[in-house]
Amino acid sequence: MKLWNFDGGLHLDGHKAESTACAIRASFMPSRLVLPLQQHIGEAAEVIVSEGDHVLKGQMLARAHGYVSVPLHAPTSGTITQITEQPVPHPSGLSAPCILMKPDGKDQWAEMQGIEDYSGLDPSALRNRIRDAGVVGLGGAGFPSFIKLNPGGHIAIESLIINAAECEPYITCDDMLMRERPEEIVQGIEIMRHAVQARQVLIGIEDNKPEAATSLENEIQRLGLGELRVIRIPTRYPAGGEKQLIRTLTGKEVPSHGLPLDIGVICHNVATAAAIYRAVILGQPLLSRIITVTGRGISDPANYEVLVGTPIAELIEHCGGYQADAERLIMGGPMMGFTLHTDQVPIIKTSNCILVAGASEFMSSAPAMPCIRCGACVPVCPARLLPQQLYWHAHAKDFDKAQDYNLFDCIECGCCAYVCPSHIPLVQYYRFAKTEIWTQEREKQKSDLARKRHEFRLERLEREKLEREEARRKKKAALHKDDAAHANDGKKSAIEAALARVQDKKRNAQTPVKNVDNLTPEQQQKIAEVEARRAQQKTKNQKQEQDNKSAGEP
């Protein structure tokens, strides 16, 4: 098969024989477990247990919170002692929320149920099962695996690439996993292929791992899976970088700021494939992983299967303890790893190596000097960036300019820092710049959200005010209408009463006088007397009126 070349890179001493001289050593039971709620890219898991709860091995302790998140499970049976902040593996030495657990020594499993025949499952059901098992990428930053297995119905996956390169010096956990457990890896690959419906599967492995490559090839042949191809690639750091491996195997370039999915490719690590096999076939969540413990500062370098949450101090003690010349404790390899401030932090899902470096074992500890603009960092950059320019802008905290030079295309491989004659820790500046940009972006998102919520609140208050005014207006109009109706009714009643009185008077005026002949003599006498008095009063009034008139004349 034709292979393509990627830019930059270095040929480094492997230092791998120290930890591959013996088989993977079995897991041991630590005295306590420290389980950070966030062990992957995305949102931290949400606690669903309480202090004092007794839990079984494999029982869910924290559920996924948000889409880019996976749950956390108990690595063994025991009691939840605390839920509090603890130091976690991080370059800055920060603390984060953790579940503290005391094992009971019984290692008693919760009920687990696997699926032997997954071929009948819908890819969506497979992804949900992988998510529920808490599986994340075990060869990089820890991106939730179920998301990378969801290309979407509108994208056809041409190639599923399995990263078995393990190019960084000292790290051999994947190498030993391929040698000893090829069946888990190959069956996990088949599950992933079914989930994404890939047309081909390419397993890229560096040619300095002949035993691992032969082991995988034999297992593929045993299972009759001729469509899976193991491809040996030249040993050159960082051949195991995702973009570099895709370029080497397919000749395709992942676009800047793009994803492998954009060119029809999905890339997973061999350890992730084994974890997916356990999740689907055995029904077991991700509870442990293979860790390389190596370096001149450790007594007994080897690969160990370690429970997630095991304190590094207990792991080192289990490996024979520190040597007299132990100087630095690094999580990861010498190129992409970071120095730990304490050995009290735990092993997490993305831990692949604990490197106990002896004095002057690698990477000169000479103090950094000013950049001399020699340009030695440019030809070794596998991402074809300008590390010198990125350094200047990151150092000046001019993050906009740093992004203009494609800062986020940097894979932090450390090649530039390795060749720098001024011993400038270039990658640290790039990580700092990325972290600051992410922090600013999160703050901006929070600010935008707060602004939108404030604007929405003002709109809501204004809307409620208008609604209240409208309600008052309608109520007032209704009251006026009722008053007018009552007033009209009263006026109408008064008019009707007056008309009734007029009608009564008319009727009374039209009523004929009763015939006096029908009256008794007494009644006739009284009527006559009344009429006489009226006539007298009338005569008297007329006379008085005449006298008054006469008195007024000259």
Protein backbone atom coordinates (compact mmCIF):
# COMPACT_ATOMS: atom_id res chain seq x y z
CA MET A 1 0.00 0.00 0.00
CA LYS A 2 1.26 3.46 -0.84
CA LEU A 3 2.14 5.68 2.10
CA TRP A 4 2.36 9.46 2.12
CA ASN A 5 4.74 11.66 4.05
CA PHE A 6 3.82 14.37 6.55
CA ASP A 7 5.81 17.54 7.19
CA GLY A 8 8.18 18.08 10.06
CA GLY A 9 8.70 15.60 12.84
CA LEU A 10 11.71 14.15 14.62
CA HIS A 11 13.52 10.86 15.03
CA LEU A 12 13.78 10.29 18.79
CA ASP A 13 15.16 7.60 21.03
CA GLY A 14 12.27 5.34 21.96
CA HIS A 15 13.18 4.23 25.50
CA LYS A 16 10.46 1.60 25.17
CA ALA A 17 12.36 -1.57 26.00
CA GLU A 18 12.48 -0.67 29.70
CA SER A 19 8.73 -1.22 30.15
CA THR A 20 8.11 -4.04 27.63
CA ALA A 21 10.37 -6.63 29.21
CA CYS A 22 7.46 -8.16 31.14
CA ALA A 23 3.77 -8.78 30.63
CA ILE A 24 1.01 -6.41 31.77
CA ARG A 25 0.77 -6.66 35.53
CA ALA A 26 -2.61 -7.19 37.17
CA SER A 27 -4.56 -4.48 38.90
CA PHE A 28 -4.14 -3.92 42.63
CA MET A 29 -6.62 -2.56 45.16
CA PRO A 30 -5.69 0.91 46.46
CA SER A 31 -6.68 2.06 49.95
CA ARG A 32 -8.84 4.85 48.50
CA LEU A 33 -10.09 6.12 45.16
CA VAL A 34 -10.35 9.74 44.02
CA LEU A 35 -12.75 10.09 41.09
CA PRO A 36 -12.85 13.52 39.39
CA LEU A 37 -16.24 14.31 37.87
CA GLN A 38 -14.56 15.60 34.72
CA GLN A 39 -12.13 13.21 33.08
CA HIS A 40 -12.80 14.12 29.47
CA ILE A 41 -13.47 17.01 27.12
CA GLY A 42 -16.93 18.48 27.72
CA GLU A 43 -19.23 18.91 30.71
CA ALA A 44 -18.44 17.29 34.05
CA ALA A 45 -20.72 14.45 35.15
CA GLU A 46 -23.49 15.13 37.69
CA VAL A 47 -23.31 13.30 41.03
CA ILE A 48 -26.19 10.91 41.80
CA VAL A 49 -24.84 9.33 45.04
CA SER A 50 -24.43 10.69 48.55
CA GLU A 51 -21.79 10.45 51.22
CA GLY A 52 -22.14 7.21 53.14
CA ASP A 53 -23.68 5.26 50.24
CA HIS A 54 -22.38 1.75 49.63
CA VAL A 55 -21.88 1.11 45.91
CA LEU A 56 -21.04 -1.90 43.77
CA LYS A 57 -18.42 -2.23 41.07
CA GLY A 58 -19.70 -0.79 37.82
CA GLN A 59 -22.51 1.16 39.50
CA MET A 60 -23.08 4.65 38.10
CA LEU A 61 -21.90 7.37 40.48
CA ALA A 62 -22.46 10.42 38.27
CA ARG A 63 -24.62 10.75 35.16
CA ALA A 64 -23.78 12.59 31.95
CA HIS A 65 -24.60 16.29 32.12
CA GLY A 66 -25.18 17.74 28.67
CA TYR A 67 -24.49 16.23 25.27
CA VAL A 68 -20.67 16.31 25.36
CA SER A 69 -20.44 14.31 28.56
CA VAL A 70 -20.30 10.72 29.82
CA PRO A 71 -21.16 9.11 33.17
CA LEU A 72 -18.75 7.98 35.89
CA HIS A 73 -18.84 4.53 37.51
CA ALA A 74 -17.48 2.86 40.64
CA PRO A 75 -14.18 1.07 39.83
CA THR A 76 -14.82 -1.37 42.68
CA SER A 77 -17.29 -1.93 45.50
CA GLY A 78 -17.06 0.24 48.60
CA THR A 79 -18.37 3.30 50.42
CA ILE A 80 -18.62 6.91 49.29
CA THR A 81 -16.72 8.82 51.95
CA GLN A 82 -16.75 12.38 50.59
CA ILE A 83 -17.83 14.53 47.68
CA THR A 84 -15.45 17.47 47.67
CA GLU A 85 -12.75 19.28 45.73
CA GLN A 86 -9.39 17.53 45.41
CA PRO A 87 -6.20 18.14 43.40
CA VAL A 88 -6.52 16.66 39.92
CA PRO A 89 -4.01 15.97 37.10
CA HIS A 90 -3.61 19.36 35.45
CA PRO A 91 -0.61 21.49 34.42
CA SER A 92 -1.76 24.28 36.75
CA GLY A 93 -2.23 22.02 39.76
CA LEU A 94 -5.88 23.00 40.13
CA SER A 95 -8.47 21.26 42.27
CA ALA A 96 -11.85 20.06 41.02
CA PRO A 97 -14.98 18.31 42.38
CA CYS A 98 -14.31 14.64 43.09
CA ILE A 99 -16.01 11.60 44.59
CA LEU A 100 -13.87 9.96 47.28
CA MET A 101 -14.43 6.26 47.80
CA LYS A 102 -13.09 3.65 50.22
CA PRO A 103 -12.95 0.14 48.68
CA ASP A 104 -14.35 -2.70 50.79
CA GLY A 105 -11.98 -5.27 49.27
CA LYS A 106 -14.79 -7.47 47.97
CA ASP A 107 -14.72 -6.13 44.39
CA GLN A 108 -18.39 -7.07 44.11
CA TRP A 109 -19.96 -6.34 40.72
CA ALA A 110 -23.30 -4.73 40.10
CA GLU A 111 -25.47 -6.56 37.60
CA MET A 112 -23.94 -6.23 34.13
CA GLN A 113 -25.48 -7.38 30.86
CA GLY A 114 -23.54 -7.67 27.64
CA ILE A 115 -24.63 -8.24 24.04
CA GLU A 116 -22.86 -10.99 22.15
CA ASP A 117 -24.62 -10.39 18.83
CA TYR A 118 -24.46 -6.63 18.33
CA SER A 119 -24.96 -6.87 14.56
CA GLY A 120 -28.72 -6.66 14.99
CA LEU A 121 -28.47 -3.45 16.98
CA ASP A 122 -29.13 -0.10 15.41
CA PRO A 123 -25.96 2.07 15.33
CA SER A 124 -27.75 4.59 17.55
CA ALA A 125 -28.38 1.92 20.20
CA LEU A 126 -24.71 0.92 20.02
CA ARG A 127 -23.62 4.52 20.58
CA ASN A 128 -25.94 4.90 23.55
CA ARG A 129 -24.52 1.76 25.12
CA ILE A 130 -20.98 3.05 24.62
CA ARG A 131 -21.94 6.38 26.15
CA ASP A 132 -23.63 4.75 29.14
CA ALA A 133 -20.38 2.85 29.76
CA GLY A 134 -18.46 6.12 30.10
CA VAL A 135 -16.05 5.36 27.26
CA VAL A 136 -13.83 8.22 26.08
CA GLY A 137 -10.83 8.38 23.78
CA LEU A 138 -7.93 6.73 25.60
CA GLY A 139 -5.17 7.93 23.32
CA GLY A 140 -5.60 11.70 23.39
CA ALA A 141 -7.63 14.43 25.06
CA GLY A 142 -10.50 12.13 26.03
CA PHE A 143 -13.27 13.13 23.63
CA PRO A 144 -16.46 11.12 24.32
CA SER A 145 -16.28 8.14 21.96
CA PHE A 146 -19.99 7.95 21.18
CA ILE A 147 -19.84 11.39 19.54
CA LYS A 148 -16.99 10.43 17.21
CA LEU A 149 -19.02 7.34 16.28
CA ASN A 150 -21.93 9.50 15.16
CA PRO A 151 -21.06 10.89 11.70
CA GLY A 152 -24.65 11.77 10.88
CA GLY A 153 -26.78 10.27 8.15
CA HIS A 154 -25.64 12.77 5.50
CA ILE A 155 -21.93 11.86 5.75
CA ALA A 156 -20.49 8.65 4.27
CA ILE A 157 -17.45 7.30 6.11
CA GLU A 158 -14.80 6.14 3.72
CA SER A 159 -12.14 5.09 6.25
CA LEU A 160 -12.13 4.08 9.90
CA ILE A 161 -8.53 4.58 11.00
CA ILE A 162 -7.25 2.87 14.13
CA ASN A 163 -4.31 4.66 15.71
CA ALA A 164 -1.83 2.05 16.93
CA ALA A 165 1.28 4.16 16.26
CA GLU A 166 2.10 5.09 19.89
CA CYS A 167 4.90 7.32 18.66
CA GLU A 168 5.90 9.17 21.83
CA PRO A 169 9.02 7.91 23.64
CA TYR A 170 8.71 5.84 26.84
CA ILE A 171 4.99 5.04 26.38
CA THR A 172 4.23 1.36 25.67
CA CYS A 173 0.74 0.71 27.08
CA ASP A 174 -0.86 0.33 23.62
CA ASP A 175 2.02 -1.84 22.42
CA MET A 176 1.53 -4.30 25.28
CA LEU A 177 -2.25 -4.21 24.90
CA MET A 178 -1.92 -5.22 21.23
CA ARG A 179 0.51 -8.00 22.08
CA GLU A 180 -1.60 -9.53 24.87
CA ARG A 181 -5.23 -8.70 24.08
CA PRO A 182 -5.62 -8.49 20.30
CA GLU A 183 -9.06 -10.16 20.40
CA GLU A 184 -10.52 -7.28 22.44
CA ILE A 185 -9.08 -4.71 20.06
CA VAL A 186 -10.18 -6.45 16.85
CA GLN A 187 -13.73 -7.11 18.09
CA GLY A 188 -13.93 -3.51 19.33
CA ILE A 189 -12.89 -2.34 15.86
CA GLU A 190 -15.64 -4.44 14.30
CA ILE A 191 -18.19 -2.83 16.65
CA MET A 192 -16.98 0.63 15.63
CA ARG A 193 -17.10 -0.28 11.97
CA HIS A 194 -20.70 -1.41 12.36
CA ALA A 195 -21.56 1.83 14.18
CA VAL A 196 -20.17 4.13 11.45
CA GLN A 197 -20.69 1.84 8.44
CA ALA A 198 -17.12 2.48 7.24
CA ARG A 199 -16.08 1.17 3.82
CA GLN A 200 -12.56 0.25 4.96
CA VAL A 201 -10.56 -0.08 8.18
CA LEU A 202 -6.88 0.87 8.31
CA ILE A 203 -4.79 0.09 11.40
CA GLY A 204 -1.66 2.26 11.41
CA ILE A 205 1.21 0.97 13.55
CA GLU A 206 4.85 2.11 13.66
CA ASP A 207 7.35 -0.39 12.28
CA ASN A 208 9.20 -0.51 15.62
CA LYS A 209 6.41 -2.70 17.05
CA PRO A 210 6.66 -5.94 15.07
CA GLU A 211 5.26 -8.14 17.88
CA ALA A 212 2.15 -6.00 18.23
CA ALA A 213 1.58 -5.85 14.46
CA THR A 214 1.94 -9.63 14.12
CA SER A 215 -0.43 -10.20 17.04
CA LEU A 216 -3.15 -8.09 15.40
CA GLU A 217 -2.62 -9.70 12.00
CA ASN A 218 -2.94 -13.19 13.48
CA GLU A 219 -6.18 -12.29 15.26
CA ILE A 220 -7.65 -10.72 12.12
CA GLN A 221 -6.78 -13.83 10.15
CA ARG A 222 -8.24 -16.10 12.84
CA LEU A 223 -11.54 -14.24 12.72
CA GLY A 224 -11.56 -14.10 8.93
CA LEU A 225 -11.74 -10.31 8.76
CA GLY A 226 -9.71 -9.73 5.64
CA GLU A 227 -11.15 -6.22 5.20
CA LEU A 228 -9.16 -5.03 8.25
CA ARG A 229 -5.66 -4.02 7.16
CA VAL A 230 -2.66 -3.62 9.48
CA ILE A 231 -0.28 -1.11 7.90
CA ARG A 232 3.24 -0.58 9.19
CA ILE A 233 4.33 3.06 8.94
CA PRO A 234 7.81 4.60 9.39
CA THR A 235 8.82 5.38 12.95
CA ARG A 236 8.92 9.15 13.22
CA TYR A 237 7.49 11.40 15.89
CA PRO A 238 4.63 12.46 15.81
CA ALA A 239 3.39 9.80 13.37
CA GLY A 240 0.59 9.05 15.84
CA GLY A 241 -0.90 12.53 15.61
CA GLU A 242 -4.41 12.22 14.20
CA LYS A 243 -3.87 14.50 11.21
CA GLN A 244 -0.42 13.08 10.54
CA LEU A 245 -1.65 9.48 10.62
CA ILE A 246 -4.55 10.29 8.29
CA ARG A 247 -2.11 11.97 5.90
CA THR A 248 0.27 8.99 6.02
CA LEU A 249 -2.40 6.35 5.36
CA THR A 250 -4.76 8.13 2.96
CA GLY A 251 -2.89 11.11 1.52
CA LYS A 252 -5.80 13.34 2.58
CA GLU A 253 -5.35 16.61 4.46
CA VAL A 254 -7.67 17.53 7.29
CA PRO A 255 -8.58 21.19 6.63
CA SER A 256 -7.46 23.92 9.01
CA HIS A 257 -9.96 24.26 11.87
CA GLY A 258 -11.67 21.20 10.40
CA LEU A 259 -12.29 17.62 11.51
CA PRO A 260 -11.40 14.25 9.98
CA LEU A 261 -15.13 13.80 9.48
CA ASP A 262 -14.98 16.59 6.89
CA ILE A 263 -12.98 14.28 4.59
CA GLY A 264 -14.92 11.10 5.39
CA VAL A 265 -12.52 9.74 8.02
CA ILE A 266 -12.95 8.73 11.67
CA CYS A 267 -9.93 7.99 13.86
CA HIS A 268 -9.89 6.00 17.13
CA ASN A 269 -7.20 4.59 19.40
CA VAL A 270 -6.60 0.85 19.94
CA ALA A 271 -7.21 1.16 23.70
CA THR A 272 -10.54 2.84 22.94
CA ALA A 273 -11.46 -0.12 20.73
CA ALA A 274 -10.75 -2.53 23.61
CA ALA A 275 -12.87 -0.40 25.98
CA ILE A 276 -15.74 -0.44 23.46
CA TYR A 277 -15.50 -4.23 23.24
CA ARG A 278 -15.86 -4.49 27.03
CA ALA A 279 -18.75 -2.02 27.06
CA VAL A 280 -20.79 -3.79 24.38
CA ILE A 281 -19.89 -7.48 24.58
CA LEU A 282 -19.31 -7.74 28.34
CA GLY A 283 -21.51 -4.85 29.47
CA GLN A 284 -18.67 -3.40 31.57
CA PRO A 285 -18.17 0.36 31.92
CA LEU A 286 -14.71 1.94 31.71
CA LEU A 287 -13.26 1.25 35.16
CA SER A 288 -9.54 0.68 34.54
CA ARG A 289 -6.87 1.12 31.92
CA ILE A 290 -3.31 0.07 31.08
CA ILE A 291 -0.69 2.55 32.40
CA THR A 292 3.01 2.67 31.54
CA VAL A 293 5.07 3.43 34.66
CA THR A 294 8.63 4.11 33.58
CA GLY A 295 11.68 6.35 33.81
CA ARG A 296 15.01 6.19 35.61
CA GLY A 297 13.40 7.44 38.78
CA ILE A 298 11.24 4.31 39.25
CA SER A 299 12.45 0.98 40.61
CA ASP A 300 10.46 -1.38 38.42
CA PRO A 301 9.30 0.02 35.04
CA ALA A 302 6.38 -1.94 33.56
CA ASN A 303 2.80 -1.69 32.33
CA TYR A 304 0.07 -2.06 34.92
CA GLU A 305 -3.68 -2.37 34.74
CA VAL A 306 -4.80 0.35 37.13
CA LEU A 307 -8.23 1.25 38.49
CA VAL A 308 -9.42 4.73 37.56
CA GLY A 309 -9.10 6.92 40.65
CA THR A 310 -5.98 5.23 42.06
CA PRO A 311 -3.71 7.84 43.70
CA ILE A 312 -0.39 8.03 41.86
CA ALA A 313 1.49 7.80 45.16
CA GLU A 314 0.02 4.33 45.77
CA LEU A 315 0.78 3.29 42.20
CA ILE A 316 4.43 4.36 42.56
CA GLU A 317 4.68 2.49 45.85
CA HIS A 318 3.18 -0.60 44.23
CA CYS A 319 5.86 -0.34 41.50
CA GLY A 320 8.71 -0.39 44.02
CA GLY A 321 8.90 3.26 44.95
CA TYR A 322 11.07 6.13 43.79
CA GLN A 323 14.75 5.81 43.01
CA ALA A 324 17.26 8.14 44.69
CA ASP A 325 17.70 10.26 41.55
CA ALA A 326 13.96 10.76 40.87
CA GLU A 327 13.56 14.41 39.94
CA ARG A 328 10.32 15.01 38.01
CA LEU A 329 6.93 13.35 37.93
CA ILE A 330 5.26 13.62 34.53
CA MET A 331 1.84 12.46 33.40
CA GLY A 332 2.20 11.40 29.77
CA GLY A 333 5.37 11.24 27.73
CA PRO A 334 8.37 13.57 27.66
CA MET A 335 7.08 15.47 24.63
CA MET A 336 3.37 16.03 25.27
CA GLY A 337 3.07 15.24 28.96
CA PHE A 338 3.04 17.76 31.81
CA THR A 339 4.77 17.93 35.17
CA LEU A 340 2.68 17.03 38.20
CA HIS A 341 3.01 19.15 41.33
CA THR A 342 2.15 16.26 43.63
CA ASP A 343 1.75 12.48 43.53
CA GLN A 344 -1.54 12.72 45.45
CA VAL A 345 -3.52 13.24 42.25
CA PRO A 346 -5.37 10.22 40.80
CA ILE A 347 -5.12 8.18 37.63
CA ILE A 348 -7.93 9.24 35.30
CA LYS A 349 -9.39 7.78 32.12
CA THR A 350 -7.00 9.69 29.85
CA SER A 351 -3.82 8.80 31.77
CA ASN A 352 -1.55 6.59 29.69
CA CYS A 353 1.86 7.02 31.31
CA ILE A 354 3.48 8.03 34.57
CA LEU A 355 7.05 9.03 33.83
CA VAL A 356 9.38 9.37 36.81
CA ALA A 357 12.32 11.17 35.28
CA GLY A 358 15.80 10.97 36.72
CA ALA A 359 18.14 13.93 36.92
CA SER A 360 18.93 15.23 33.41
CA GLU A 361 17.22 12.22 31.81
CA PHE A 362 15.74 14.23 29.00
CA MET A 363 14.99 17.77 27.88
CA SER A 364 17.63 20.08 29.31
CA SER A 365 16.58 21.91 32.45
CA ALA A 366 18.69 24.95 31.47
CA PRO A 367 16.87 28.27 31.98
CA ALA A 368 15.08 29.80 29.02
CA MET A 369 16.89 32.53 27.10
CA PRO A 370 15.63 35.12 24.62
CA CYS A 371 14.56 33.90 21.19
CA ILE A 372 17.38 34.37 18.67
CA ARG A 373 15.06 33.95 15.67
CA CYS A 374 17.07 31.04 14.33
CA GLY A 375 13.98 29.45 12.74
CA ALA A 376 14.93 25.92 13.82
CA CYS A 377 11.36 25.38 15.04
CA VAL A 378 9.79 25.89 11.61
CA PRO A 379 10.98 22.83 9.64
CA VAL A 380 10.14 20.38 12.47
CA CYS A 381 6.53 21.56 12.92
CA PRO A 382 4.23 18.78 11.61
CA ALA A 383 1.31 21.22 11.37
CA ARG A 384 3.25 23.58 9.05
CA LEU A 385 2.90 26.52 11.45
CA LEU A 386 5.29 29.34 12.38
CA PRO A 387 6.08 28.49 16.03
CA GLN A 388 8.27 31.56 16.46
CA GLN A 389 5.44 33.94 15.52
CA LEU A 390 2.99 32.04 17.71
CA TYR A 391 5.43 32.37 20.61
CA TRP A 392 5.80 36.14 20.18
CA HIS A 393 2.06 36.75 20.10
CA ALA A 394 1.32 34.34 22.96
CA HIS A 395 4.09 35.93 25.03
CA ALA A 396 2.63 39.39 24.35
CA LYS A 397 -0.90 38.09 25.11
CA ASP A 398 -1.98 39.23 21.68
CA PHE A 399 -4.35 36.32 21.26
CA ASP A 400 -6.09 37.65 18.16
CA LYS A 401 -2.79 37.71 16.30
CA ALA A 402 -1.95 34.23 17.58
CA GLN A 403 -5.20 32.96 16.08
CA ASP A 404 -4.29 34.65 12.82
CA TYR A 405 -1.35 32.22 12.73
CA ASN A 406 -3.67 29.20 13.23
CA LEU A 407 -2.86 28.64 16.91
CA PHE A 408 -5.52 25.96 17.24
CA ASP A 409 -3.95 23.85 14.50
CA CYS A 410 -1.04 23.28 16.90
CA ILE A 411 -1.13 19.67 18.18
CA GLU A 412 1.26 20.51 21.05
CA CYS A 413 3.68 17.78 19.99
CA GLY A 414 6.67 19.62 21.45
CA CYS A 415 8.95 19.30 18.41
CA CYS A 416 9.59 23.04 18.37
CA ALA A 417 10.55 23.16 22.04
CA TYR A 418 12.77 20.10 21.61
CA VAL A 419 14.97 21.77 18.99
CA CYS A 420 14.91 25.30 20.48
CA PRO A 421 18.52 26.35 21.30
CA SER A 422 17.18 28.95 23.74
CA HIS A 423 15.33 26.26 25.73
CA ILE A 424 12.08 28.21 25.51
CA PRO A 425 9.10 26.09 26.66
CA LEU A 426 7.16 26.98 23.52
CA VAL A 427 4.32 24.53 24.00
CA GLN A 428 3.56 26.02 27.41
CA TYR A 429 3.01 29.40 25.78
CA TYR A 430 0.68 27.85 23.19
CA ARG A 431 -1.30 26.03 25.88
CA PHE A 432 -1.52 29.25 27.87
CA ALA A 433 -2.82 31.15 24.85
CA LYS A 434 -5.40 28.47 24.05
CA THR A 435 -6.59 28.37 27.65
CA GLU A 436 -6.94 32.15 27.78
CA ILE A 437 -8.85 32.22 24.50
CA TRP A 438 -11.18 29.46 25.72
CA THR A 439 -11.67 31.33 28.99
CA GLN A 440 -12.45 34.56 27.17
CA GLU A 441 -14.85 32.72 24.89
CA ARG A 442 -16.63 31.17 27.87
CA GLU A 443 -16.83 34.56 29.56
CA LYS A 444 -18.17 36.07 26.36
CA GLN A 445 -20.77 33.34 26.12
CA LYS A 446 -21.75 33.94 29.73
CA SER A 447 -21.88 37.68 29.11
CA ASP A 448 -23.97 37.21 25.96
CA LEU A 449 -26.28 34.88 27.83
CA ALA A 450 -26.62 37.36 30.71
CA ARG A 451 -27.28 40.18 28.22
CA LYS A 452 -29.92 38.14 26.41
CA ARG A 453 -31.55 37.19 29.70
CA HIS A 454 -31.55 40.87 30.78
CA GLU A 455 -33.02 41.98 27.46
CA PHE A 456 -35.60 39.22 27.66
CA ARG A 457 -36.48 40.32 31.21
CA LEU A 458 -36.93 43.94 30.09
CA GLU A 459 -39.09 42.77 27.19
CA ARG A 460 -41.11 40.62 29.55
CA LEU A 461 -41.60 43.49 32.03
CA GLU A 462 -42.60 45.85 29.22
CA ARG A 463 -44.97 43.25 27.80
CA GLU A 464 -46.53 42.66 31.23
CA LYS A 465 -46.87 46.44 31.74
CA LEU A 466 -48.66 46.82 28.42
CA GLU A 467 -50.85 43.84 29.22
CA ARG A 468 -51.78 45.37 32.60
CA GLU A 469 -52.53 48.74 30.99
CA GLU A 470 -54.65 47.05 28.36
CA ALA A 471 -56.51 45.11 31.04
CA ARG A 472 -57.13 48.31 33.02
CA ARG A 473 -58.33 50.07 29.88
CA LYS A 474 -60.74 47.28 29.08
CA LYS A 475 -61.98 47.18 32.67
CA LYS A 476 -62.46 50.96 32.74
CA ALA A 477 -64.31 50.85 29.42
CA ALA A 478 -66.53 48.09 30.77
CA LEU A 479 -67.27 50.12 33.93
CA HIS A 480 -68.12 53.23 31.88
CA LYS A 481 -70.39 51.13 29.74
CA ASP A 482 -72.15 49.77 32.82
CA ASP A 483 -72.50 53.28 34.33
CA ALA A 484 -73.87 54.67 31.08
CA ALA A 485 -76.31 51.79 30.88
CA HIS A 486 -77.42 52.39 34.47
CA ALA A 487 -77.71 56.15 33.84
CA ASN A 488 -79.72 55.57 30.69
CA ASP A 489 -81.93 53.12 32.53
CA GLY A 490 -82.48 55.68 35.38
CA LYS A 491 -83.18 58.51 32.98
CA LYS A 492 -85.58 56.33 31.06
CA SER A 493 -87.31 55.33 34.26
CA ALA A 494 -87.65 58.98 35.37
CA ILE A 495 -89.07 59.95 32.00
CA GLU A 496 -91.47 57.06 32.08
CA ALA A 497 -92.57 58.03 35.61
CA ALA A 498 -93.15 61.64 34.56
CA LEU A 499 -95.10 60.52 31.52
CA ALA A 500 -97.14 58.29 33.75
CA ARG A 501 -97.94 61.20 36.04
CA VAL A 502 -98.96 63.37 33.07
CA GLN A 503 -101.18 60.62 31.81
CA ASP A 504 -102.74 60.30 35.26
CA LYS A 505 -103.43 64.05 35.36
CA LYS A 506 -104.95 63.88 31.89
CA ARG A 507 -107.11 61.02 32.92
CA ASN A 508 -108.14 62.87 36.08
CA ALA A 509 -108.87 66.04 34.07
CA GLN A 510 -111.01 64.12 31.65
CA THR A 511 -112.96 62.39 34.39
CA PRO A 512 -116.48 63.82 34.36
CA VAL A 513 -117.81 65.47 37.56
CA LYS A 514 -120.19 63.31 39.34
CA ASN A 515 -123.91 64.33 38.99
CA VAL A 516 -124.96 66.36 42.09
CA ASP A 517 -128.43 64.96 41.85
CA ASN A 518 -127.06 61.64 42.97
CA LEU A 519 -125.48 63.14 46.12
CA THR A 520 -127.06 63.29 49.51
CA PRO A 521 -128.33 66.63 50.81
CA GLU A 522 -125.41 66.86 53.21
CA GLN A 523 -122.89 66.27 50.40
CA GLN A 524 -124.65 68.85 48.24
CA GLN A 525 -124.54 71.32 51.14
CA LYS A 526 -120.76 70.81 51.62
CA ILE A 527 -120.07 71.25 47.92
CA ALA A 528 -122.08 74.43 47.89
CA GLU A 529 -120.16 75.79 50.89
CA VAL A 530 -116.77 74.96 49.21
CA GLU A 531 -117.82 76.64 46.01
CA ALA A 532 -119.00 79.69 47.96
CA ARG A 533 -115.71 80.01 49.81
CA ARG A 534 -113.79 79.66 46.57
CA ALA A 535 -115.97 82.41 45.00
CA GLN A 536 -115.41 84.68 48.02
CA GLN A 537 -111.67 84.09 48.01
CA LYS A 538 -111.56 84.80 44.31
CA THR A 539 -113.50 88.07 44.72
CA LYS A 540 -111.28 89.07 47.59
CA ASN A 541 -108.14 88.38 45.56
CA GLN A 542 -109.42 90.39 42.62
CA LYS A 543 -110.27 93.34 44.89
CA GLN A 544 -106.85 93.21 46.55
CA GLU A 545 -105.19 93.18 43.19
CA GLN A 546 -107.25 96.20 42.07
CA ASP A 547 -106.43 98.14 45.22
CA ASN A 548 -102.73 97.47 44.81
CA LYS A 549 -102.91 98.69 41.27
CA SER A 550 -104.81 101.84 42.23
CA ALA A 551 -102.32 102.65 44.96
CA GLY A 552 -99.52 102.55 42.53
CA GLU A 553 -101.01 105.19 40.18
CA PRO A 554 -100.02 108.98 40.55
